[in-house]
C-alpha cells in the first residue's frame, strides 16, 4: 500500500511540473511585427548593427503575442537591425 501512495505522489508531481508552459522557455523571446524571435547570446560587433528599430514596451510572463512584447526581456530593452 505504501508503494502505491509513493508512486501516486510521484506521478502527480510529474504531471503538475509539466503544466507550466513558461518553464519550457529558457531563452528570452520577443515579438516583432507578429513574429516571435528567440534571443541568443552570440557576441556581435557594433559595426554589424545597422540601426535601432525599437524597444520592448511590455514584459510578459508567457510567450509574447503582440508587437514589442518580450518574455524575459525588460521594458526598455533596445532592439537593433543587423547588417546583412
C-alpha atoms as a PDB file:
ATOM      1  CA  UNK A   1       0.000   0.000   0.000  1.00  0.00           C
ATOM      2  CA  UNK A   2       2.842   2.356   0.831  1.00  0.00           C
ATOM      3  CA  UNK A   3       4.396   1.858  -2.627  1.00  0.00           C
ATOM      4  CA  UNK A   4       1.118   2.840  -4.284  1.00  0.00           C
ATOM      5  CA  UNK A   5       0.935   6.080  -2.280  1.00  0.00           C
ATOM      6  CA  UNK A   6       4.556   6.989  -3.092  1.00  0.00           C
ATOM      7  CA  UNK A   7       4.042   6.177  -6.775  1.00  0.00           C
ATOM      8  CA  UNK A   8       0.809   8.221  -6.889  1.00  0.00           C
ATOM      9  CA  UNK A   9       2.522  11.212  -5.278  1.00  0.00           C
ATOM     10  CA  UNK A  10       5.476  10.994  -7.681  1.00  0.00           C
ATOM     11  CA  UNK A  11       3.181  10.663 -10.701  1.00  0.00           C
ATOM     12  CA  UNK A  12       1.123  13.691  -9.584  1.00  0.00           C
ATOM     13  CA  UNK A  13       4.246  15.818  -9.143  1.00  0.00           C
ATOM     14  CA  UNK A  14       5.484  14.875 -12.612  1.00  0.00           C
ATOM     15  CA  UNK A  15       2.145  15.804 -14.154  1.00  0.00           C
ATOM     16  CA  UNK A  16       1.978  19.140 -12.340  1.00  0.00           C
ATOM     17  CA  UNK A  17       5.522  20.103 -13.319  1.00  0.00           C
ATOM     18  CA  UNK A  18       4.641  19.577 -16.991  1.00  0.00           C
ATOM     19  CA  UNK A  19       1.739  22.031 -16.827  1.00  0.00           C
ATOM     20  CA  UNK A  20       3.848  25.174 -16.558  1.00  0.00           C
ATOM     21  CA  UNK A  21       4.486  26.397 -20.128  1.00  0.00           C
ATOM     22  CA  UNK A  22       6.902  29.168 -19.077  1.00  0.00           C
ATOM     23  CA  UNK A  23       9.437  26.727 -17.670  1.00  0.00           C
ATOM     24  CA  UNK A  24       9.881  25.252 -21.155  1.00  0.00           C
ATOM     25  CA  UNK A  25      11.105  28.617 -22.459  1.00  0.00           C
ATOM     26  CA  UNK A  26      14.687  29.140 -21.353  1.00  0.00           C
ATOM     27  CA  UNK A  27      15.778  31.866 -23.786  1.00  0.00           C
ATOM     28  CA  UNK A  28      14.257  35.333 -23.921  1.00  0.00           C
ATOM     29  CA  UNK A  29      11.733  35.822 -26.756  1.00  0.00           C
ATOM     30  CA  UNK A  30      10.335  38.993 -28.307  1.00  0.00           C
ATOM     31  CA  UNK A  31       7.563  39.691 -30.793  1.00  0.00           C
ATOM     32  CA  UNK A  32       8.208  41.997 -33.746  1.00  0.00           C
ATOM     33  CA  UNK A  33       5.515  42.601 -36.359  1.00  0.00           C
ATOM     34  CA  UNK A  34       3.640  39.453 -35.331  1.00  0.00           C
ATOM     35  CA  UNK A  35       6.681  37.134 -35.417  1.00  0.00           C
ATOM     36  CA  UNK A  36       8.459  35.743 -32.353  1.00  0.00           C
ATOM     37  CA  UNK A  37      12.262  35.762 -32.221  1.00  0.00           C
ATOM     38  CA  UNK A  38      14.445  33.871 -29.747  1.00  0.00           C
ATOM     39  CA  UNK A  39      17.323  35.843 -28.266  1.00  0.00           C
ATOM     40  CA  UNK A  40      20.710  34.138 -28.341  1.00  0.00           C
ATOM     41  CA  UNK A  41      23.892  35.007 -26.515  1.00  0.00           C
ATOM     42  CA  UNK A  42      26.101  35.407 -29.580  1.00  0.00           C
ATOM     43  CA  UNK A  43      28.570  38.301 -29.473  1.00  0.00           C
ATOM     44  CA  UNK A  44      28.280  40.935 -32.191  1.00  0.00           C
ATOM     45  CA  UNK A  45      30.426  43.951 -33.061  1.00  0.00           C
ATOM     46  CA  UNK A  46      28.869  47.421 -33.060  1.00  0.00           C
ATOM     47  CA  UNK A  47      29.838  47.832 -36.721  1.00  0.00           C
ATOM     48  CA  UNK A  48      27.457  44.953 -37.562  1.00  0.00           C
ATOM     49  CA  UNK A  49      24.470  46.947 -36.253  1.00  0.00           C
ATOM     50  CA  UNK A  50      22.560  48.876 -38.890  1.00  0.00           C
ATOM     51  CA  UNK A  51      20.102  50.903 -36.796  1.00  0.00           C
ATOM     52  CA  UNK A  52      17.914  50.869 -33.704  1.00  0.00           C
ATOM     53  CA  UNK A  53      14.437  49.708 -34.722  1.00  0.00           C
ATOM     54  CA  UNK A  54      12.630  49.949 -31.391  1.00  0.00           C
ATOM     55  CA  UNK A  55      12.450  48.654 -27.858  1.00  0.00           C
ATOM     56  CA  UNK A  56      10.483  46.278 -25.650  1.00  0.00           C
ATOM     57  CA  UNK A  57       7.402  48.102 -24.347  1.00  0.00           C
ATOM     58  CA  UNK A  58       5.880  45.286 -22.263  1.00  0.00           C
ATOM     59  CA  UNK A  59       7.478  42.384 -20.404  1.00  0.00           C
ATOM     60  CA  UNK A  60       5.250  39.279 -20.355  1.00  0.00           C
ATOM     61  CA  UNK A  61       5.295  36.138 -18.240  1.00  0.00           C
ATOM     62  CA  UNK A  62       4.371  33.919 -21.184  1.00  0.00           C
ATOM     63  CA  UNK A  63       5.122  33.681 -24.891  1.00  0.00           C
ATOM     64  CA  UNK A  64       4.669  37.172 -26.392  1.00  0.00           C
ATOM     65  CA  UNK A  65       1.795  37.667 -28.830  1.00  0.00           C
ATOM     66  CA  UNK A  66       1.845  41.407 -29.565  1.00  0.00           C
ATOM     67  CA  UNK A  67       4.307  43.739 -31.283  1.00  0.00           C
ATOM     68  CA  UNK A  68       7.188  44.830 -29.000  1.00  0.00           C
ATOM     69  CA  UNK A  69       6.332  42.416 -26.163  1.00  0.00           C
ATOM     70  CA  UNK A  70       9.141  40.421 -24.606  1.00  0.00           C
ATOM     71  CA  UNK A  71       9.407  37.316 -22.450  1.00  0.00           C
ATOM     72  CA  UNK A  72      12.360  37.558 -20.030  1.00  0.00           C
ATOM     73  CA  UNK A  73      13.280  40.937 -21.556  1.00  0.00           C
ATOM     74  CA  UNK A  74      12.914  44.118 -19.526  1.00  0.00           C
ATOM     75  CA  UNK A  75      10.814  47.011 -20.726  1.00  0.00           C
ATOM     76  CA  UNK A  76      13.102  49.462 -22.498  1.00  0.00           C
ATOM     77  CA  UNK A  77      15.438  46.797 -23.940  1.00  0.00           C
ATOM     78  CA  UNK A  78      16.718  48.185 -27.257  1.00  0.00           C
ATOM     79  CA  UNK A  79      16.257  46.207 -30.476  1.00  0.00           C
ATOM     80  CA  UNK A  80      18.609  46.678 -33.440  1.00  0.00           C
ATOM     81  CA  UNK A  81      18.616  45.672 -37.076  1.00  0.00           C
ATOM     82  CA  UNK A  82      21.746  43.736 -38.076  1.00  0.00           C
ATOM     83  CA  UNK A  83      23.521  44.403 -41.378  1.00  0.00           C
ATOM     84  CA  UNK A  84      23.288  41.581 -43.897  1.00  0.00           C
END
